[in-house]
N, C-alpha and C. Protein backbone atom coordinates (compact mmCIF):
# COMPACT_ATOMS: atom_id res chain seq x y z
N GLU A 1 5.69 -21.19 -23.62
CA GLU A 1 7.09 -22.03 -23.28
C GLU A 1 7.35 -21.72 -22.09
N LEU A 2 7.91 -19.91 -21.99
CA LEU A 2 8.77 -19.89 -20.49
C LEU A 2 7.30 -20.65 -19.34
N ALA A 3 6.27 -20.18 -19.32
CA ALA A 3 5.38 -20.63 -17.93
C ALA A 3 5.76 -21.97 -17.64
N THR A 4 5.35 -22.71 -18.85
CA THR A 4 5.93 -24.28 -18.79
C THR A 4 7.70 -24.52 -18.27
N LYS A 5 8.10 -23.84 -18.81
CA LYS A 5 9.43 -23.89 -18.27
C LYS A 5 9.60 -24.18 -16.69
N CYS A 6 9.05 -22.81 -15.99
CA CYS A 6 8.98 -22.54 -14.78
C CYS A 6 8.47 -23.26 -13.87
N VAL A 7 7.72 -24.37 -14.75
CA VAL A 7 6.32 -25.06 -13.73
C VAL A 7 7.00 -26.26 -13.70
N GLU A 8 7.92 -26.39 -14.40
CA GLU A 8 8.94 -27.93 -14.48
C GLU A 8 9.82 -27.78 -13.30
N VAL A 9 10.25 -26.70 -13.51
CA VAL A 9 11.89 -26.28 -12.62
C VAL A 9 11.16 -25.79 -11.08
N ALA A 10 9.60 -25.73 -11.07
CA ALA A 10 9.45 -25.34 -9.91
C ALA A 10 8.63 -26.80 -9.14
N GLY A 11 8.73 -27.49 -10.30
CA GLY A 11 8.09 -29.29 -9.68
C GLY A 11 6.99 -29.36 -9.73
N GLY A 12 6.41 -28.68 -10.38
CA GLY A 12 4.67 -28.71 -10.68
C GLY A 12 3.58 -27.82 -10.30
N THR A 13 2.94 -27.66 -10.23
CA THR A 13 1.80 -27.23 -9.93
C THR A 13 1.33 -27.16 -8.26
N PRO A 14 0.98 -25.98 -7.64
CA PRO A 14 0.73 -24.49 -8.24
C PRO A 14 2.19 -24.63 -7.92
N ALA A 15 2.31 -23.29 -9.05
CA ALA A 15 3.40 -22.58 -8.92
C ALA A 15 3.10 -21.26 -9.51
N TYR A 16 3.28 -20.40 -8.87
CA TYR A 16 3.64 -18.37 -9.24
C TYR A 16 4.53 -18.13 -9.70
N VAL A 17 4.41 -17.49 -10.93
CA VAL A 17 5.47 -17.02 -11.62
C VAL A 17 5.32 -15.53 -12.32
N TYR A 18 5.84 -14.88 -11.65
CA TYR A 18 6.44 -13.42 -12.16
C TYR A 18 7.36 -13.00 -13.14
N SER A 19 7.11 -12.06 -14.09
CA SER A 19 7.66 -11.46 -14.75
C SER A 19 8.54 -10.01 -14.37
N LEU A 20 9.31 -10.63 -13.85
CA LEU A 20 10.34 -9.03 -13.45
C LEU A 20 10.58 -8.02 -14.63
N ALA A 21 10.43 -8.02 -16.05
CA ALA A 21 10.20 -7.21 -16.71
C ALA A 21 8.81 -6.66 -17.04
N GLU A 22 7.66 -7.20 -16.82
CA GLU A 22 6.76 -6.93 -16.83
C GLU A 22 6.53 -5.93 -15.26
N LEU A 23 7.12 -6.12 -14.22
CA LEU A 23 6.66 -5.40 -12.92
C LEU A 23 7.67 -4.33 -12.55
N GLU A 24 8.51 -4.21 -13.52
CA GLU A 24 9.56 -3.12 -13.91
C GLU A 24 8.53 -1.99 -14.31
N SER A 25 7.88 -2.38 -15.86
CA SER A 25 7.18 -1.90 -16.72
C SER A 25 5.75 -1.26 -16.08
N ARG A 26 5.29 -1.69 -15.37
CA ARG A 26 4.21 -1.71 -14.55
C ARG A 26 4.64 -0.25 -13.26
N ALA A 27 6.03 -0.98 -12.68
CA ALA A 27 6.41 0.24 -11.49
C ALA A 27 6.70 1.38 -12.22
N ASN A 28 7.25 1.25 -13.09
CA ASN A 28 7.68 2.43 -14.07
C ASN A 28 6.58 3.54 -14.61
N ASP A 29 5.79 3.02 -15.16
CA ASP A 29 4.07 3.53 -15.48
C ASP A 29 4.05 4.31 -13.92
N CYS A 30 3.83 3.22 -13.09
CA CYS A 30 3.01 4.29 -11.96
C CYS A 30 4.15 5.68 -11.24
N LEU A 31 5.29 5.57 -11.63
CA LEU A 31 6.11 6.29 -11.13
C LEU A 31 6.23 7.45 -12.29
N ALA A 32 5.82 7.18 -13.09
CA ALA A 32 5.94 8.29 -14.19
C ALA A 32 4.73 9.07 -14.23
N PHE A 33 3.55 8.65 -13.61
CA PHE A 33 2.35 8.93 -13.32
C PHE A 33 2.38 10.89 -13.44
N PRO A 34 1.53 11.91 -14.53
CA PRO A 34 2.01 12.83 -14.00
C PRO A 34 1.40 13.76 -12.78
N ASN A 35 2.16 14.91 -12.09
CA ASN A 35 1.81 14.92 -10.92
C ASN A 35 2.02 16.32 -10.36
N ALA A 36 1.27 17.12 -10.21
CA ALA A 36 1.99 18.24 -9.64
C ALA A 36 2.42 18.86 -8.21
N PHE A 37 1.76 18.20 -7.26
CA PHE A 37 2.35 18.45 -5.74
C PHE A 37 3.29 17.26 -5.30
N GLY A 38 3.53 16.12 -5.90
CA GLY A 38 4.35 15.01 -5.87
C GLY A 38 3.37 14.38 -5.58
N LEU A 39 3.89 13.17 -5.47
CA LEU A 39 3.52 11.75 -5.60
C LEU A 39 3.39 10.43 -5.00
N THR A 40 3.10 9.65 -4.15
CA THR A 40 3.72 8.82 -3.24
C THR A 40 2.84 7.29 -3.85
N VAL A 41 3.50 6.48 -4.88
CA VAL A 41 3.57 5.03 -5.48
C VAL A 41 3.12 4.25 -4.47
N ARG A 42 1.80 3.59 -4.26
CA ARG A 42 1.72 2.82 -3.15
C ARG A 42 1.53 1.07 -3.67
N TYR A 43 2.01 0.15 -3.43
CA TYR A 43 1.17 -1.31 -3.86
C TYR A 43 0.27 -1.64 -2.53
N ALA A 44 -0.55 -2.45 -3.28
CA ALA A 44 -1.59 -2.89 -2.45
C ALA A 44 -0.64 -4.04 -1.93
N MET A 45 -0.72 -4.55 -1.02
CA MET A 45 0.24 -5.74 -0.88
C MET A 45 -0.90 -6.86 -0.64
N LYS A 46 -2.17 -6.49 -0.35
CA LYS A 46 -3.40 -7.19 -0.52
C LYS A 46 -3.59 -8.57 -1.69
N ALA A 47 -2.79 -7.77 -2.75
CA ALA A 47 -2.74 -8.26 -4.03
C ALA A 47 -1.71 -9.88 -3.98
N CYS A 48 -0.82 -9.56 -3.33
CA CYS A 48 0.44 -10.57 -3.28
C CYS A 48 1.32 -10.15 -2.41
N PRO A 49 0.93 -10.77 -1.24
CA PRO A 49 2.16 -10.31 -0.16
C PRO A 49 3.30 -11.21 -0.65
N ASN A 50 3.75 -11.81 -1.55
CA ASN A 50 5.14 -12.17 -1.62
C ASN A 50 6.05 -11.37 -1.13
N ALA A 51 6.99 -11.81 -0.15
CA ALA A 51 8.41 -11.06 0.29
C ALA A 51 9.07 -10.37 -0.91
N ALA A 52 9.62 -11.14 -1.94
CA ALA A 52 10.45 -10.60 -2.94
C ALA A 52 9.53 -9.82 -3.60
N LEU A 53 8.25 -9.54 -3.77
CA LEU A 53 7.34 -8.67 -4.10
C LEU A 53 7.49 -7.83 -3.73
N LEU A 54 7.70 -7.40 -2.42
CA LEU A 54 7.39 -6.50 -1.48
C LEU A 54 8.79 -5.60 -1.79
N GLN A 55 9.47 -6.48 -1.65
CA GLN A 55 11.45 -6.12 -1.63
C GLN A 55 11.78 -5.16 -2.66
N TYR A 56 10.87 -5.71 -4.08
CA TYR A 56 11.11 -5.65 -5.04
C TYR A 56 10.70 -4.35 -5.59
N PHE A 57 9.43 -3.91 -4.84
CA PHE A 57 8.60 -2.69 -5.39
C PHE A 57 9.42 -2.00 -3.96
N HIS A 58 9.77 -2.16 -2.82
CA HIS A 58 10.38 -1.24 -1.75
C HIS A 58 11.67 -0.64 -2.36
N SER A 59 12.37 -1.81 -3.57
CA SER A 59 13.80 -1.30 -3.72
C SER A 59 13.28 -0.38 -5.20
N ARG A 60 12.59 -0.03 -5.77
CA ARG A 60 11.86 1.01 -6.41
C ARG A 60 11.53 2.18 -6.02
N GLY A 61 11.37 2.54 -4.73
CA GLY A 61 10.89 3.71 -4.19
C GLY A 61 9.24 4.11 -3.76
N ILE A 62 8.44 2.32 -3.99
CA ILE A 62 6.87 2.54 -4.02
C ILE A 62 6.89 1.86 -2.62
N HIS A 63 5.97 2.15 -1.91
CA HIS A 63 5.51 2.34 -0.34
C HIS A 63 4.61 1.32 -0.70
N LEU A 64 3.96 0.96 0.60
CA LEU A 64 2.85 -0.68 0.62
C LEU A 64 1.74 -0.30 1.50
N ASP A 65 0.83 -0.49 1.16
CA ASP A 65 -0.67 -0.74 1.65
C ASP A 65 -0.94 -1.73 1.73
N ALA A 66 -1.05 -1.87 3.38
CA ALA A 66 -1.37 -2.82 4.50
C ALA A 66 -2.83 -2.91 4.37
N SER A 67 -3.79 -3.93 4.88
CA SER A 67 -5.06 -3.78 5.34
C SER A 67 -5.27 -4.29 6.58
N SER A 68 -4.08 -4.90 7.26
CA SER A 68 -4.09 -5.52 8.44
C SER A 68 -2.79 -5.51 9.33
N GLY A 69 -3.14 -4.93 10.85
CA GLY A 69 -1.70 -5.74 11.14
C GLY A 69 -0.78 -6.48 10.57
N TYR A 70 -1.06 -8.06 10.31
CA TYR A 70 -0.29 -8.89 9.72
C TYR A 70 0.41 -8.34 8.72
N GLU A 71 -0.39 -7.64 7.61
CA GLU A 71 -0.07 -7.14 6.70
C GLU A 71 1.40 -6.60 6.84
N VAL A 72 1.20 -5.61 7.63
CA VAL A 72 2.49 -4.61 8.55
C VAL A 72 3.45 -5.33 8.63
N ARG A 73 3.15 -6.62 9.91
CA ARG A 73 4.34 -7.06 10.21
C ARG A 73 4.97 -7.83 8.88
N ARG A 74 4.51 -8.69 8.19
CA ARG A 74 4.68 -8.89 6.95
C ARG A 74 6.05 -8.21 6.26
N ALA A 75 5.75 -6.71 6.11
CA ALA A 75 5.91 -5.82 5.33
C ALA A 75 7.38 -5.82 5.78
N MET A 76 7.46 -5.50 7.52
CA MET A 76 8.74 -5.50 7.79
C MET A 76 9.52 -6.47 8.09
N ALA A 77 8.94 -7.61 8.15
CA ALA A 77 9.49 -8.90 7.87
C ALA A 77 10.24 -8.67 6.98
N ALA A 78 9.95 -8.52 5.82
CA ALA A 78 10.53 -8.38 4.42
C ALA A 78 11.81 -7.27 4.27
N GLY A 79 11.82 -6.37 5.27
CA GLY A 79 12.65 -5.08 5.01
C GLY A 79 12.01 -3.86 4.58
N VAL A 80 10.62 -3.84 4.47
CA VAL A 80 10.42 -2.29 4.22
C VAL A 80 10.21 -1.57 5.66
N PRO A 81 10.53 -0.22 5.76
CA PRO A 81 10.67 0.36 6.58
C PRO A 81 9.18 0.95 6.92
N ALA A 82 8.58 1.13 8.86
CA ALA A 82 7.35 1.11 8.90
C ALA A 82 6.93 2.50 8.38
N ASP A 83 7.70 3.74 7.86
CA ASP A 83 7.14 4.67 7.52
C ASP A 83 6.90 4.44 6.42
N HIS A 84 6.68 3.67 5.26
CA HIS A 84 7.09 3.39 3.68
C HIS A 84 5.62 2.72 4.07
N ILE A 85 4.97 2.41 4.91
CA ILE A 85 3.89 1.54 5.09
C ILE A 85 2.71 2.31 5.71
N SER A 86 1.35 1.87 4.51
CA SER A 86 0.36 3.12 5.17
C SER A 86 -0.35 1.66 5.59
N LEU A 87 -1.03 1.74 6.78
CA LEU A 87 -2.48 0.59 7.19
C LEU A 87 -3.44 1.16 7.04
N SER A 88 -4.62 1.15 6.22
CA SER A 88 -5.62 0.71 5.25
C SER A 88 -6.66 -0.52 5.95
N THR A 89 -7.37 -0.12 7.46
CA THR A 89 -8.04 -0.96 7.96
C THR A 89 -9.54 -0.85 8.42
N GLN A 90 -10.27 -1.32 8.51
CA GLN A 90 -11.82 -1.35 9.27
C GLN A 90 -11.54 -1.51 10.67
N GLU A 91 -10.91 -2.59 11.31
CA GLU A 91 -10.46 -2.85 12.46
C GLU A 91 -8.65 -2.62 13.08
N PHE A 92 -9.01 -2.02 14.24
CA PHE A 92 -7.46 -1.35 14.67
C PHE A 92 -7.12 -3.25 15.02
N PRO A 93 -6.14 -3.64 14.76
CA PRO A 93 -5.30 -4.51 15.31
C PRO A 93 -5.22 -4.59 16.78
N PRO A 94 -4.62 -5.59 17.47
CA PRO A 94 -4.19 -5.47 19.16
C PRO A 94 -3.20 -4.75 19.34
N ASP A 95 -2.00 -4.60 18.39
CA ASP A 95 -1.03 -4.08 18.96
C ASP A 95 -0.79 -2.70 17.63
N PHE A 96 -1.78 -2.01 17.57
CA PHE A 96 -1.98 -1.17 16.72
C PHE A 96 -1.25 -0.11 17.12
N ALA A 97 -1.12 0.46 18.75
CA ALA A 97 -0.37 1.46 18.89
C ALA A 97 1.07 1.34 19.10
N GLU A 98 1.64 0.22 19.12
CA GLU A 98 2.63 0.24 18.68
C GLU A 98 3.40 -0.11 17.55
N LEU A 99 2.95 -0.32 16.21
CA LEU A 99 2.60 -0.08 15.06
C LEU A 99 2.55 1.36 14.59
N VAL A 100 1.91 2.74 15.18
CA VAL A 100 2.04 3.24 14.94
C VAL A 100 3.13 4.41 15.44
N ASP A 101 4.02 3.89 16.84
CA ASP A 101 4.89 4.30 17.44
C ASP A 101 5.91 4.06 16.66
N MET A 102 5.89 2.62 15.94
CA MET A 102 6.83 2.27 15.12
C MET A 102 7.05 3.65 13.83
N GLY A 103 5.90 4.29 13.48
CA GLY A 103 5.65 4.99 12.30
C GLY A 103 5.20 4.53 11.08
N VAL A 104 4.46 3.68 11.80
CA VAL A 104 3.42 3.32 10.39
C VAL A 104 2.31 4.24 10.34
N ASN A 105 2.18 4.73 8.78
CA ASN A 105 1.03 5.29 8.53
C ASN A 105 -0.73 4.69 8.95
N VAL A 106 -1.30 5.30 8.96
CA VAL A 106 -2.70 4.86 9.06
C VAL A 106 -3.99 6.08 8.27
N ASN A 107 -4.28 4.91 7.58
CA ASN A 107 -5.38 5.60 6.71
C ASN A 107 -6.85 5.60 7.37
N CYS A 108 -7.11 6.17 7.95
CA CYS A 108 -9.11 6.31 8.68
C CYS A 108 -9.97 6.51 7.53
N TRP A 109 -10.38 5.62 7.20
CA TRP A 109 -11.34 5.87 5.76
C TRP A 109 -12.81 5.37 5.89
N TYR A 110 -13.10 4.53 7.51
CA TYR A 110 -13.50 4.21 7.18
C TYR A 110 -14.33 4.36 8.74
N VAL A 111 -16.07 5.22 8.74
CA VAL A 111 -16.68 5.68 9.55
C VAL A 111 -16.12 5.45 11.25
N THR A 112 -16.26 3.72 11.39
CA THR A 112 -15.74 3.01 12.91
C THR A 112 -14.13 3.14 12.94
N SER A 113 -13.41 3.24 12.35
CA SER A 113 -11.92 3.36 12.43
C SER A 113 -10.97 4.65 13.26
């Protein structure tokens, strides 16, 4: 019923509707994960790079995992500081050096990275 109301308010489909209560619950679950040496929770923004979601997760202290230079720039445009973004990519973007200089973390996990 709530989903139907949201689609009506949006003016039809496609419409993407997110439950803030569910996002909060999942964020709390991740942030409460038992750890002995500290924990940095990261949201893989590839799943949904919506600026409002990125801002929400950032407000909860959750960092972001970006898979491209474009995603890094999108996260920064949403207000996420560079040092809260980790770039995991198979190919370095053209502005790689600039992103690193800005404080973006790099996860080199692929042999050619």
